Amino acid sequence: MNKHDLIKELSSRLNTTQQECTSHLNTLLDILSDELEKKNSLVLQGFGTFHLWVQTARPGRNPKTGETVPILTRNSVKFKAGKNLLKKLNKRVDQ
């Protein structure tokens, strides 16, 4: 599912326009990225937690030439699934 598909599904479930859903989704994504930029975590109770993760600098290797190249420090994001999400994803078919 891509962003456009998500907007269509939201629009359908909420019985609202795709333009409104696009606005709401973009606002949510802006808030998420703003909080991560401030080095804050974002906890969605039962769904999961997004938090900033700093990847340390390390040596790498150019696979074409075999030359050692530095990989610089960079920011990334980790997501840890919440209890309710994991329960939903792992429920047994026979239950």
N, C-alpha and C. Protein backbone atom coordinates (compact mmCIF):
# COMPACT_ATOMS: atom_id res chain seq x y z
N MET A 1 0.86 -1.17 0.00
CA MET A 1 0.00 0.00 0.00
C MET A 1 0.90 1.23 0.00
N ASN A 2 0.61 2.16 -0.87
CA ASN A 2 1.36 3.42 -0.89
C ASN A 2 0.51 4.54 -0.29
N LYS A 3 1.05 5.76 -0.28
CA LYS A 3 0.36 6.88 0.36
C LYS A 3 -1.00 7.14 -0.30
N HIS A 4 -1.04 7.09 -1.62
CA HIS A 4 -2.30 7.34 -2.33
C HIS A 4 -3.35 6.30 -1.96
N ASP A 5 -2.95 5.03 -1.89
CA ASP A 5 -3.88 3.97 -1.49
C ASP A 5 -4.37 4.18 -0.06
N LEU A 6 -3.46 4.60 0.82
CA LEU A 6 -3.83 4.86 2.21
C LEU A 6 -4.87 5.98 2.29
N ILE A 7 -4.66 7.04 1.52
CA ILE A 7 -5.60 8.16 1.51
C ILE A 7 -6.97 7.71 1.01
N LYS A 8 -6.99 6.88 -0.04
CA LYS A 8 -8.28 6.37 -0.54
C LYS A 8 -8.98 5.52 0.51
N GLU A 9 -8.22 4.68 1.21
CA GLU A 9 -8.81 3.83 2.25
C GLU A 9 -9.34 4.67 3.41
N LEU A 10 -8.57 5.66 3.84
CA LEU A 10 -9.02 6.56 4.90
C LEU A 10 -10.31 7.27 4.50
N SER A 11 -10.32 7.78 3.29
CA SER A 11 -11.48 8.49 2.77
C SER A 11 -12.72 7.59 2.79
N SER A 12 -12.52 6.35 2.39
CA SER A 12 -13.63 5.41 2.36
C SER A 12 -14.14 5.08 3.77
N ARG A 13 -13.21 4.80 4.68
CA ARG A 13 -13.60 4.42 6.04
C ARG A 13 -14.19 5.58 6.82
N LEU A 14 -13.70 6.79 6.59
CA LEU A 14 -14.18 7.95 7.34
C LEU A 14 -15.31 8.69 6.64
N ASN A 15 -15.65 8.23 5.43
CA ASN A 15 -16.71 8.85 4.65
C ASN A 15 -16.47 10.36 4.50
N THR A 16 -15.26 10.69 4.06
CA THR A 16 -14.88 12.09 3.86
C THR A 16 -14.10 12.20 2.56
N THR A 17 -13.75 13.41 2.18
CA THR A 17 -13.07 13.60 0.89
C THR A 17 -11.60 13.20 0.97
N GLN A 18 -11.05 12.85 -0.18
CA GLN A 18 -9.65 12.50 -0.25
C GLN A 18 -8.78 13.72 0.06
N GLN A 19 -9.25 14.91 -0.29
CA GLN A 19 -8.50 16.13 0.00
C GLN A 19 -8.35 16.33 1.51
N GLU A 20 -9.43 16.10 2.26
CA GLU A 20 -9.36 16.22 3.72
C GLU A 20 -8.41 15.18 4.30
N CYS A 21 -8.50 13.96 3.81
CA CYS A 21 -7.63 12.89 4.31
C CYS A 21 -6.17 13.18 3.98
N THR A 22 -5.92 13.72 2.80
CA THR A 22 -4.55 14.08 2.42
C THR A 22 -4.01 15.13 3.38
N SER A 23 -4.83 16.12 3.69
CA SER A 23 -4.42 17.17 4.61
C SER A 23 -4.11 16.61 6.00
N HIS A 24 -4.99 15.74 6.50
CA HIS A 24 -4.80 15.15 7.83
C HIS A 24 -3.56 14.26 7.86
N LEU A 25 -3.37 13.45 6.85
CA LEU A 25 -2.21 12.56 6.81
C LEU A 25 -0.92 13.36 6.71
N ASN A 26 -0.89 14.40 5.86
CA ASN A 26 0.30 15.23 5.74
C ASN A 26 0.62 15.94 7.06
N THR A 27 -0.41 16.37 7.77
CA THR A 27 -0.21 17.00 9.07
C THR A 27 0.38 16.01 10.07
N LEU A 28 -0.15 14.80 10.09
CA LEU A 28 0.38 13.76 10.97
C LEU A 28 1.85 13.49 10.66
N LEU A 29 2.19 13.37 9.39
CA LEU A 29 3.57 13.11 9.00
C LEU A 29 4.48 14.28 9.35
N ASP A 30 3.98 15.51 9.22
CA ASP A 30 4.76 16.69 9.61
C ASP A 30 5.04 16.69 11.10
N ILE A 31 4.03 16.37 11.90
CA ILE A 31 4.20 16.32 13.35
C ILE A 31 5.22 15.25 13.71
N LEU A 32 5.11 14.08 13.12
CA LEU A 32 6.04 12.98 13.38
C LEU A 32 7.47 13.40 13.06
N SER A 33 7.68 13.98 11.89
CA SER A 33 9.05 14.36 11.50
C SER A 33 9.56 15.51 12.35
N ASP A 34 8.68 16.45 12.73
CA ASP A 34 9.09 17.56 13.60
C ASP A 34 9.56 17.05 14.96
N GLU A 35 8.80 16.13 15.53
CA GLU A 35 9.17 15.58 16.84
C GLU A 35 10.48 14.79 16.77
N LEU A 36 10.66 14.02 15.73
CA LEU A 36 11.91 13.27 15.57
C LEU A 36 13.08 14.21 15.36
N GLU A 37 12.85 15.29 14.63
CA GLU A 37 13.90 16.29 14.40
C GLU A 37 14.33 16.93 15.72
N LYS A 38 13.38 17.07 16.67
CA LYS A 38 13.68 17.63 17.99
C LYS A 38 14.26 16.56 18.92
N LYS A 39 14.51 15.37 18.38
CA LYS A 39 15.04 14.23 19.14
C LYS A 39 14.05 13.69 20.17
N ASN A 40 12.77 13.88 19.92
CA ASN A 40 11.71 13.33 20.77
C ASN A 40 11.19 12.03 20.14
N SER A 41 10.74 11.13 20.97
CA SER A 41 10.08 9.92 20.49
C SER A 41 8.60 10.21 20.32
N LEU A 42 7.94 9.43 19.48
CA LEU A 42 6.50 9.55 19.32
C LEU A 42 5.90 8.19 19.64
N VAL A 43 5.09 8.15 20.68
CA VAL A 43 4.48 6.91 21.15
C VAL A 43 3.01 6.91 20.77
N LEU A 44 2.59 5.91 19.99
CA LEU A 44 1.19 5.71 19.67
C LEU A 44 0.78 4.46 20.46
N GLN A 45 0.15 4.68 21.59
CA GLN A 45 -0.15 3.61 22.54
C GLN A 45 -0.80 2.42 21.85
N GLY A 46 -0.22 1.25 22.04
CA GLY A 46 -0.75 0.01 21.47
C GLY A 46 -0.29 -0.24 20.05
N PHE A 47 0.11 0.81 19.32
CA PHE A 47 0.56 0.65 17.94
C PHE A 47 2.07 0.54 17.86
N GLY A 48 2.76 1.51 18.47
CA GLY A 48 4.21 1.43 18.46
C GLY A 48 4.87 2.76 18.77
N THR A 49 6.19 2.76 18.74
CA THR A 49 6.99 3.93 19.07
C THR A 49 7.99 4.20 17.96
N PHE A 50 8.06 5.46 17.54
CA PHE A 50 9.07 5.91 16.60
C PHE A 50 10.12 6.67 17.39
N HIS A 51 11.40 6.37 17.17
CA HIS A 51 12.43 7.15 17.84
C HIS A 51 13.64 7.33 16.95
N LEU A 52 14.34 8.43 17.20
CA LEU A 52 15.53 8.78 16.44
C LEU A 52 16.66 7.84 16.82
N TRP A 53 17.44 7.46 15.85
CA TRP A 53 18.57 6.58 16.06
C TRP A 53 19.74 7.15 15.27
N VAL A 54 20.86 7.37 15.95
CA VAL A 54 22.05 7.94 15.30
C VAL A 54 22.97 6.79 14.92
N GLN A 55 23.17 6.63 13.62
CA GLN A 55 24.09 5.61 13.13
C GLN A 55 25.50 6.18 13.21
N THR A 56 26.40 5.46 13.82
CA THR A 56 27.76 5.95 14.00
C THR A 56 28.56 5.83 12.71
N ALA A 57 29.60 6.65 12.63
CA ALA A 57 30.50 6.59 11.47
C ALA A 57 31.26 5.26 11.53
N ARG A 58 31.52 4.73 10.36
CA ARG A 58 32.23 3.45 10.30
C ARG A 58 32.88 3.31 8.92
N PRO A 59 33.86 2.45 8.83
CA PRO A 59 34.46 2.24 7.51
C PRO A 59 33.57 1.32 6.67
N GLY A 60 33.51 1.61 5.40
CA GLY A 60 32.76 0.78 4.46
C GLY A 60 33.68 0.38 3.32
N ARG A 61 33.12 -0.33 2.37
CA ARG A 61 33.92 -0.77 1.24
C ARG A 61 33.14 -0.59 -0.04
N ASN A 62 33.78 0.01 -1.03
CA ASN A 62 33.19 0.14 -2.35
C ASN A 62 33.22 -1.25 -3.00
N PRO A 63 32.07 -1.86 -3.27
CA PRO A 63 32.07 -3.23 -3.79
C PRO A 63 32.69 -3.34 -5.19
N LYS A 64 32.66 -2.25 -5.93
CA LYS A 64 33.20 -2.28 -7.29
C LYS A 64 34.73 -2.28 -7.30
N THR A 65 35.31 -1.41 -6.44
CA THR A 65 36.76 -1.25 -6.45
C THR A 65 37.45 -1.92 -5.28
N GLY A 66 36.69 -2.24 -4.23
CA GLY A 66 37.29 -2.81 -3.03
C GLY A 66 37.92 -1.76 -2.13
N GLU A 67 37.85 -0.49 -2.55
CA GLU A 67 38.45 0.60 -1.80
C GLU A 67 37.67 0.85 -0.51
N THR A 68 38.39 1.11 0.59
CA THR A 68 37.76 1.46 1.85
C THR A 68 37.31 2.91 1.79
N VAL A 69 36.05 3.14 2.16
CA VAL A 69 35.49 4.49 2.16
C VAL A 69 34.80 4.74 3.50
N PRO A 70 34.85 5.98 3.98
CA PRO A 70 34.16 6.26 5.25
C PRO A 70 32.65 6.40 5.04
N ILE A 71 31.88 5.83 5.96
CA ILE A 71 30.44 6.03 5.99
C ILE A 71 30.19 6.99 7.14
N LEU A 72 29.67 8.16 6.84
CA LEU A 72 29.51 9.22 7.83
C LEU A 72 28.36 8.94 8.80
N THR A 73 28.42 9.59 9.95
CA THR A 73 27.34 9.53 10.93
C THR A 73 26.08 10.10 10.30
N ARG A 74 24.94 9.46 10.58
CA ARG A 74 23.68 9.98 10.07
C ARG A 74 22.54 9.60 11.00
N ASN A 75 21.47 10.35 10.90
CA ASN A 75 20.27 10.07 11.70
C ASN A 75 19.36 9.13 10.93
N SER A 76 18.70 8.27 11.68
CA SER A 76 17.74 7.35 11.10
C SER A 76 16.58 7.22 12.09
N VAL A 77 15.60 6.43 11.74
CA VAL A 77 14.43 6.24 12.60
C VAL A 77 14.22 4.76 12.85
N LYS A 78 13.94 4.42 14.08
CA LYS A 78 13.57 3.04 14.42
C LYS A 78 12.11 3.04 14.86
N PHE A 79 11.44 1.94 14.56
CA PHE A 79 10.06 1.75 14.97
C PHE A 79 9.99 0.46 15.78
N LYS A 80 9.41 0.54 16.95
CA LYS A 80 9.19 -0.64 17.77
C LYS A 80 7.68 -0.86 17.88
N ALA A 81 7.24 -1.99 17.39
CA ALA A 81 5.81 -2.29 17.39
C ALA A 81 5.27 -2.42 18.81
N GLY A 82 4.05 -1.95 19.01
CA GLY A 82 3.39 -2.02 20.30
C GLY A 82 2.72 -3.37 20.52
N LYS A 83 2.32 -3.59 21.74
CA LYS A 83 1.73 -4.86 22.17
C LYS A 83 0.47 -5.22 21.36
N ASN A 84 -0.43 -4.26 21.19
CA ASN A 84 -1.68 -4.54 20.47
C ASN A 84 -1.43 -4.85 19.00
N LEU A 85 -0.50 -4.13 18.37
CA LEU A 85 -0.16 -4.39 16.97
C LEU A 85 0.43 -5.78 16.82
N LEU A 86 1.35 -6.14 17.70
CA LEU A 86 1.97 -7.46 17.63
C LEU A 86 0.93 -8.57 17.85
N LYS A 87 0.01 -8.32 18.79
CA LYS A 87 -1.04 -9.31 19.06
C LYS A 87 -1.90 -9.51 17.81
N LYS A 88 -2.25 -8.42 17.13
CA LYS A 88 -3.09 -8.51 15.93
C LYS A 88 -2.34 -9.22 14.81
N LEU A 89 -1.06 -8.92 14.65
CA LEU A 89 -0.27 -9.52 13.58
C LEU A 89 0.00 -11.01 13.82
N ASN A 90 -0.01 -11.42 15.08
CA ASN A 90 0.36 -12.80 15.40
C ASN A 90 -0.81 -13.66 15.88
N LYS A 91 -2.04 -13.17 15.70
CA LYS A 91 -3.17 -13.99 16.16
C LYS A 91 -3.26 -15.25 15.30
N ARG A 92 -3.63 -16.31 15.95
CA ARG A 92 -3.71 -17.60 15.27
C ARG A 92 -4.97 -17.70 14.42
N VAL A 93 -4.85 -18.37 13.31
CA VAL A 93 -5.98 -18.56 12.40
C VAL A 93 -7.04 -19.43 13.05
N ASP A 94 -6.62 -20.42 13.86
CA ASP A 94 -7.56 -21.37 14.44
C ASP A 94 -8.27 -20.81 15.68
N GLN A 95 -7.99 -19.60 16.08
CA GLN A 95 -8.64 -19.05 17.28
C GLN A 95 -9.87 -18.27 16.92
